[in-house]
């Protein structure tokens, strides 16, 4: 998995980088086929914004979150991302299971 973390109007400190990396491990633990992850952290006046784009085989997932605290924004962002990745994974498993079931149905 390639991980790229960048900051707009914000210096990405080693502490922030480590925090984001640790949180994203949860997503990769649930789905191994993550190709690439791009994280953009930005500050606009009093708003802290975190965005992530995850490249999966056959799909790109984009999530953004705005909060007053950057760490809270990252926490909520990872929760949303985790739900979407699990939903995608379930869809892929159901899709393959549906092919097998459809072949065995006999219509009289």
N, C-alpha and C. Protein backbone atom coordinates (compact mmCIF):
# COMPACT_ATOMS: atom_id res chain seq x y z
N UNK A 1 0.85 -1.18 0.00
CA UNK A 1 0.00 0.00 0.00
C UNK A 1 0.89 1.24 0.00
N UNK A 2 0.64 2.12 -0.94
CA UNK A 2 1.35 3.39 -1.00
C UNK A 2 0.53 4.43 -0.24
N UNK A 3 1.16 5.10 0.70
CA UNK A 3 0.49 6.12 1.51
C UNK A 3 1.15 7.46 1.28
N UNK A 4 0.35 8.44 0.90
CA UNK A 4 0.85 9.80 0.68
C UNK A 4 0.04 10.74 1.55
N UNK A 5 0.72 11.47 2.43
CA UNK A 5 0.06 12.43 3.31
C UNK A 5 0.60 13.82 2.98
N UNK A 6 -0.29 14.74 2.66
CA UNK A 6 0.15 16.10 2.35
C UNK A 6 -0.70 17.09 3.13
N UNK A 7 -0.17 18.27 3.31
CA UNK A 7 -0.87 19.32 4.05
C UNK A 7 -0.99 20.59 3.24
N UNK A 8 -2.16 21.21 3.29
CA UNK A 8 -2.38 22.50 2.65
C UNK A 8 -2.52 23.54 3.76
N UNK A 9 -1.64 24.51 3.77
CA UNK A 9 -1.59 25.54 4.81
C UNK A 9 -1.34 24.90 6.17
N UNK A 10 -0.64 23.79 6.17
CA UNK A 10 -0.41 23.02 7.39
C UNK A 10 0.86 22.20 7.21
N UNK A 11 1.71 22.22 8.21
CA UNK A 11 2.90 21.38 8.18
C UNK A 11 2.55 20.02 8.76
N UNK A 12 2.82 18.98 8.00
CA UNK A 12 2.53 17.62 8.45
C UNK A 12 3.69 17.17 9.33
N UNK A 13 3.46 17.22 10.62
CA UNK A 13 4.50 16.85 11.59
C UNK A 13 4.58 15.32 11.69
N UNK A 14 5.69 14.81 12.20
CA UNK A 14 5.78 13.35 12.39
C UNK A 14 4.67 12.80 13.29
N UNK A 15 4.22 13.57 14.27
CA UNK A 15 3.15 13.12 15.15
C UNK A 15 1.84 12.96 14.38
N UNK A 16 1.52 13.92 13.52
CA UNK A 16 0.30 13.83 12.71
C UNK A 16 0.42 12.67 11.73
N UNK A 17 1.59 12.54 11.10
CA UNK A 17 1.80 11.46 10.14
C UNK A 17 1.63 10.09 10.81
N UNK A 18 2.18 9.94 12.00
CA UNK A 18 2.08 8.68 12.72
C UNK A 18 0.63 8.40 13.14
N UNK A 19 -0.09 9.44 13.55
CA UNK A 19 -1.48 9.30 13.97
C UNK A 19 -2.35 8.83 12.80
N UNK A 20 -2.20 9.47 11.65
CA UNK A 20 -2.98 9.11 10.47
C UNK A 20 -2.64 7.70 10.00
N UNK A 21 -1.36 7.38 9.98
CA UNK A 21 -0.92 6.05 9.56
C UNK A 21 -1.49 4.97 10.48
N UNK A 22 -1.46 5.22 11.77
CA UNK A 22 -2.01 4.26 12.74
C UNK A 22 -3.50 4.05 12.55
N UNK A 23 -4.23 5.14 12.29
CA UNK A 23 -5.67 5.03 12.08
C UNK A 23 -6.01 4.29 10.79
N UNK A 24 -5.21 4.52 9.74
CA UNK A 24 -5.50 3.88 8.45
C UNK A 24 -5.16 2.39 8.46
N UNK A 25 -4.38 1.93 9.43
CA UNK A 25 -4.08 0.50 9.52
C UNK A 25 -5.36 -0.30 9.74
N UNK A 26 -6.34 0.29 10.42
CA UNK A 26 -7.61 -0.39 10.65
C UNK A 26 -8.30 -0.71 9.34
N UNK A 27 -8.23 0.21 8.39
CA UNK A 27 -8.86 0.00 7.09
C UNK A 27 -8.14 -1.12 6.34
N UNK A 28 -6.83 -1.10 6.35
CA UNK A 28 -6.08 -2.13 5.63
C UNK A 28 -6.19 -3.49 6.31
N UNK A 29 -6.50 -3.49 7.58
CA UNK A 29 -6.71 -4.76 8.29
C UNK A 29 -8.01 -5.41 7.81
N UNK A 30 -9.02 -4.61 7.47
CA UNK A 30 -10.29 -5.14 7.01
C UNK A 30 -10.28 -5.50 5.53
N UNK A 31 -9.41 -4.87 4.74
CA UNK A 31 -9.37 -5.12 3.30
C UNK A 31 -7.93 -5.03 2.85
N UNK A 32 -7.38 -6.15 2.39
CA UNK A 32 -5.96 -6.23 2.05
C UNK A 32 -5.60 -5.65 0.69
N UNK A 33 -6.57 -5.51 -0.20
CA UNK A 33 -6.27 -5.13 -1.58
C UNK A 33 -6.23 -3.63 -1.81
N UNK A 34 -5.84 -2.86 -0.82
CA UNK A 34 -5.73 -1.41 -0.98
C UNK A 34 -4.47 -1.12 -1.80
N UNK A 35 -4.65 -0.41 -2.91
CA UNK A 35 -3.53 -0.12 -3.80
C UNK A 35 -2.80 1.15 -3.36
N UNK A 36 -3.57 2.21 -3.13
CA UNK A 36 -2.97 3.52 -2.91
C UNK A 36 -3.89 4.33 -2.00
N UNK A 37 -3.29 5.13 -1.11
CA UNK A 37 -4.06 6.00 -0.22
C UNK A 37 -3.44 7.39 -0.28
N UNK A 38 -4.26 8.40 -0.58
CA UNK A 38 -3.83 9.80 -0.59
C UNK A 38 -4.61 10.55 0.47
N UNK A 39 -3.89 11.16 1.41
CA UNK A 39 -4.52 11.92 2.49
C UNK A 39 -4.11 13.39 2.33
N UNK A 40 -5.10 14.28 2.40
CA UNK A 40 -4.84 15.71 2.35
C UNK A 40 -5.41 16.33 3.62
N UNK A 41 -4.57 16.98 4.38
CA UNK A 41 -4.98 17.68 5.60
C UNK A 41 -4.85 19.17 5.32
N UNK A 42 -5.90 19.92 5.66
CA UNK A 42 -5.84 21.36 5.39
C UNK A 42 -6.51 22.15 6.50
N UNK A 43 -6.14 23.43 6.55
CA UNK A 43 -6.68 24.35 7.54
C UNK A 43 -7.26 25.55 6.80
N UNK A 44 -8.51 25.89 7.12
CA UNK A 44 -9.15 27.08 6.57
C UNK A 44 -9.77 27.85 7.73
N UNK A 45 -9.13 28.89 8.16
CA UNK A 45 -9.54 29.69 9.31
C UNK A 45 -9.71 28.79 10.54
N UNK A 46 -10.93 28.59 11.01
CA UNK A 46 -11.15 27.77 12.20
C UNK A 46 -11.54 26.33 11.87
N UNK A 47 -11.57 25.98 10.60
CA UNK A 47 -11.98 24.65 10.18
C UNK A 47 -10.77 23.79 9.83
N UNK A 48 -10.75 22.60 10.36
CA UNK A 48 -9.71 21.63 10.04
C UNK A 48 -10.35 20.60 9.12
N UNK A 49 -9.74 20.35 7.99
CA UNK A 49 -10.34 19.46 7.00
C UNK A 49 -9.40 18.30 6.69
N UNK A 50 -9.96 17.10 6.67
CA UNK A 50 -9.20 15.91 6.31
C UNK A 50 -9.91 15.22 5.15
N UNK A 51 -9.15 14.89 4.10
CA UNK A 51 -9.70 14.21 2.93
C UNK A 51 -8.85 12.98 2.67
N UNK A 52 -9.48 11.92 2.19
CA UNK A 52 -8.73 10.73 1.82
C UNK A 52 -9.34 10.13 0.56
N UNK A 53 -8.47 9.67 -0.32
CA UNK A 53 -8.88 8.92 -1.50
C UNK A 53 -8.19 7.58 -1.44
N UNK A 54 -8.97 6.52 -1.46
CA UNK A 54 -8.42 5.16 -1.40
C UNK A 54 -8.68 4.49 -2.75
N UNK A 55 -7.61 4.00 -3.36
CA UNK A 55 -7.73 3.31 -4.65
C UNK A 55 -7.78 1.81 -4.38
N UNK A 56 -8.91 1.20 -4.75
CA UNK A 56 -9.12 -0.23 -4.62
C UNK A 56 -9.25 -0.82 -6.02
N UNK A 57 -9.07 -2.11 -6.16
CA UNK A 57 -9.26 -2.71 -7.49
C UNK A 57 -10.70 -2.49 -7.97
N UNK A 58 -10.87 -1.70 -9.01
CA UNK A 58 -12.19 -1.46 -9.57
C UNK A 58 -12.96 -0.31 -8.97
N UNK A 59 -12.42 0.40 -7.98
CA UNK A 59 -13.17 1.49 -7.35
C UNK A 59 -12.23 2.44 -6.62
N UNK A 60 -12.59 3.70 -6.62
CA UNK A 60 -11.92 4.71 -5.80
C UNK A 60 -12.92 5.22 -4.78
N UNK A 61 -12.51 5.30 -3.53
CA UNK A 61 -13.38 5.78 -2.47
C UNK A 61 -12.83 7.11 -1.97
N UNK A 62 -13.68 8.14 -1.94
CA UNK A 62 -13.29 9.47 -1.46
C UNK A 62 -14.13 9.82 -0.24
N UNK A 63 -13.48 10.27 0.82
CA UNK A 63 -14.17 10.68 2.04
C UNK A 63 -13.53 11.98 2.52
N UNK A 64 -14.36 12.91 3.01
CA UNK A 64 -13.83 14.13 3.61
C UNK A 64 -14.59 14.42 4.89
N UNK A 65 -13.90 15.09 5.80
CA UNK A 65 -14.50 15.44 7.09
C UNK A 65 -13.95 16.78 7.53
N UNK A 66 -14.82 17.62 8.08
CA UNK A 66 -14.43 18.94 8.59
C UNK A 66 -14.80 19.01 10.06
N UNK A 67 -13.86 19.48 10.88
CA UNK A 67 -14.09 19.59 12.31
C UNK A 67 -13.23 20.74 12.84
N UNK A 68 -13.48 21.14 14.07
CA UNK A 68 -12.66 22.19 14.69
C UNK A 68 -11.30 21.64 15.11
N UNK A 69 -11.22 20.34 15.39
CA UNK A 69 -9.99 19.69 15.80
C UNK A 69 -9.55 18.72 14.70
N UNK A 70 -8.29 18.80 14.28
CA UNK A 70 -7.79 17.96 13.20
C UNK A 70 -7.83 16.48 13.57
N UNK A 71 -7.48 16.16 14.79
CA UNK A 71 -7.48 14.76 15.22
C UNK A 71 -8.90 14.18 15.24
N UNK A 72 -9.87 14.98 15.65
CA UNK A 72 -11.27 14.54 15.62
C UNK A 72 -11.74 14.34 14.18
N UNK A 73 -11.31 15.21 13.29
CA UNK A 73 -11.66 15.07 11.88
C UNK A 73 -11.09 13.78 11.30
N UNK A 74 -9.85 13.46 11.67
CA UNK A 74 -9.22 12.22 11.19
C UNK A 74 -9.96 11.00 11.75
N UNK A 75 -10.34 11.05 13.03
CA UNK A 75 -11.07 9.93 13.63
C UNK A 75 -12.39 9.67 12.89
N UNK A 76 -13.17 10.71 12.67
CA UNK A 76 -14.45 10.57 11.99
C UNK A 76 -14.25 10.13 10.54
N UNK A 77 -13.22 10.67 9.90
CA UNK A 77 -12.90 10.31 8.53
C UNK A 77 -12.59 8.82 8.41
N UNK A 78 -11.80 8.30 9.32
CA UNK A 78 -11.44 6.88 9.27
C UNK A 78 -12.66 6.01 9.54
N UNK A 79 -13.54 6.44 10.43
CA UNK A 79 -14.78 5.69 10.68
C UNK A 79 -15.62 5.60 9.40
N UNK A 80 -15.79 6.72 8.72
CA UNK A 80 -16.57 6.74 7.48
C UNK A 80 -15.90 5.87 6.41
N UNK A 81 -14.59 6.01 6.29
CA UNK A 81 -13.84 5.25 5.30
C UNK A 81 -13.94 3.75 5.57
N UNK A 82 -13.83 3.37 6.81
CA UNK A 82 -13.91 1.96 7.19
C UNK A 82 -15.26 1.36 6.81
N UNK A 83 -16.33 2.11 7.07
CA UNK A 83 -17.67 1.64 6.70
C UNK A 83 -17.80 1.47 5.19
N UNK A 84 -17.26 2.42 4.42
CA UNK A 84 -17.38 2.33 2.97
C UNK A 84 -16.55 1.17 2.41
N UNK A 85 -15.37 0.94 2.98
CA UNK A 85 -14.51 -0.16 2.52
C UNK A 85 -15.17 -1.50 2.85
N UNK A 86 -15.75 -1.61 4.04
CA UNK A 86 -16.43 -2.85 4.39
C UNK A 86 -17.64 -3.09 3.50
N UNK A 87 -18.36 -2.02 3.16
CA UNK A 87 -19.52 -2.13 2.26
C UNK A 87 -19.07 -2.60 0.88
N UNK A 88 -17.97 -2.05 0.40
CA UNK A 88 -17.43 -2.46 -0.91
C UNK A 88 -17.00 -3.91 -0.87
N UNK A 89 -16.33 -4.31 0.19
CA UNK A 89 -15.86 -5.69 0.33
C UNK A 89 -17.05 -6.65 0.35
N UNK A 90 -18.10 -6.29 1.09
CA UNK A 90 -19.30 -7.13 1.17
C UNK A 90 -19.97 -7.23 -0.19
N UNK A 91 -20.00 -6.13 -0.92
CA UNK A 91 -20.60 -6.12 -2.25
C UNK A 91 -19.85 -7.05 -3.19
N UNK A 92 -18.52 -7.02 -3.11
CA UNK A 92 -17.71 -7.89 -3.95
C UNK A 92 -17.95 -9.36 -3.61
N UNK A 93 -18.06 -9.68 -2.33
CA UNK A 93 -18.31 -11.07 -1.92
C UNK A 93 -19.70 -11.50 -2.33
N UNK A 94 -20.70 -10.66 -2.15
CA UNK A 94 -22.08 -10.99 -2.53
C UNK A 94 -22.20 -11.15 -4.04
N UNK A 95 -21.47 -10.32 -4.77
CA UNK A 95 -21.53 -10.38 -6.23
C UNK A 95 -21.06 -11.74 -6.73
N UNK A 96 -19.96 -12.22 -6.18
CA UNK A 96 -19.43 -13.52 -6.60
C UNK A 96 -20.34 -14.65 -6.14
N UNK A 97 -20.92 -14.54 -4.98
CA UNK A 97 -21.82 -15.56 -4.46
C UNK A 97 -23.08 -15.62 -5.32
N UNK A 98 -23.55 -14.46 -5.77
CA UNK A 98 -24.76 -14.39 -6.59
C UNK A 98 -24.61 -15.13 -7.91
N UNK A 99 -23.42 -15.12 -8.51
CA UNK A 99 -23.19 -15.83 -9.76
C UNK A 99 -23.40 -17.32 -9.58
N UNK A 100 -22.91 -17.88 -8.49
CA UNK A 100 -23.01 -19.30 -8.24
C UNK A 100 -24.47 -19.71 -7.98
N UNK A 101 -25.19 -18.90 -7.25
CA UNK A 101 -26.59 -19.19 -6.94
C UNK A 101 -27.44 -19.10 -8.21
N UNK A 102 -27.20 -18.13 -9.06
CA UNK A 102 -27.99 -17.93 -10.26
C UNK A 102 -27.84 -19.10 -11.22
N UNK A 103 -26.68 -19.73 -11.24
CA UNK A 103 -26.45 -20.85 -12.16
C UNK A 103 -27.20 -22.11 -11.73
N UNK A 104 -27.58 -22.23 -10.47
CA UNK A 104 -28.21 -23.43 -9.98
C UNK A 104 -29.74 -23.32 -9.88
N UNK A 105 -30.31 -22.20 -10.23
CA UNK A 105 -31.75 -22.03 -10.17
C UNK A 105 -32.37 -22.63 -11.42
N UNK A 106 -33.37 -23.49 -11.22
CA UNK A 106 -34.04 -24.15 -12.35
C UNK A 106 -35.43 -23.53 -12.45
N UNK A 107 -35.76 -23.02 -13.62
CA UNK A 107 -37.07 -22.41 -13.85
C UNK A 107 -37.91 -23.41 -14.65
N UNK A 108 -39.08 -23.75 -14.16
CA UNK A 108 -39.95 -24.70 -14.86
C UNK A 108 -41.07 -24.01 -15.57
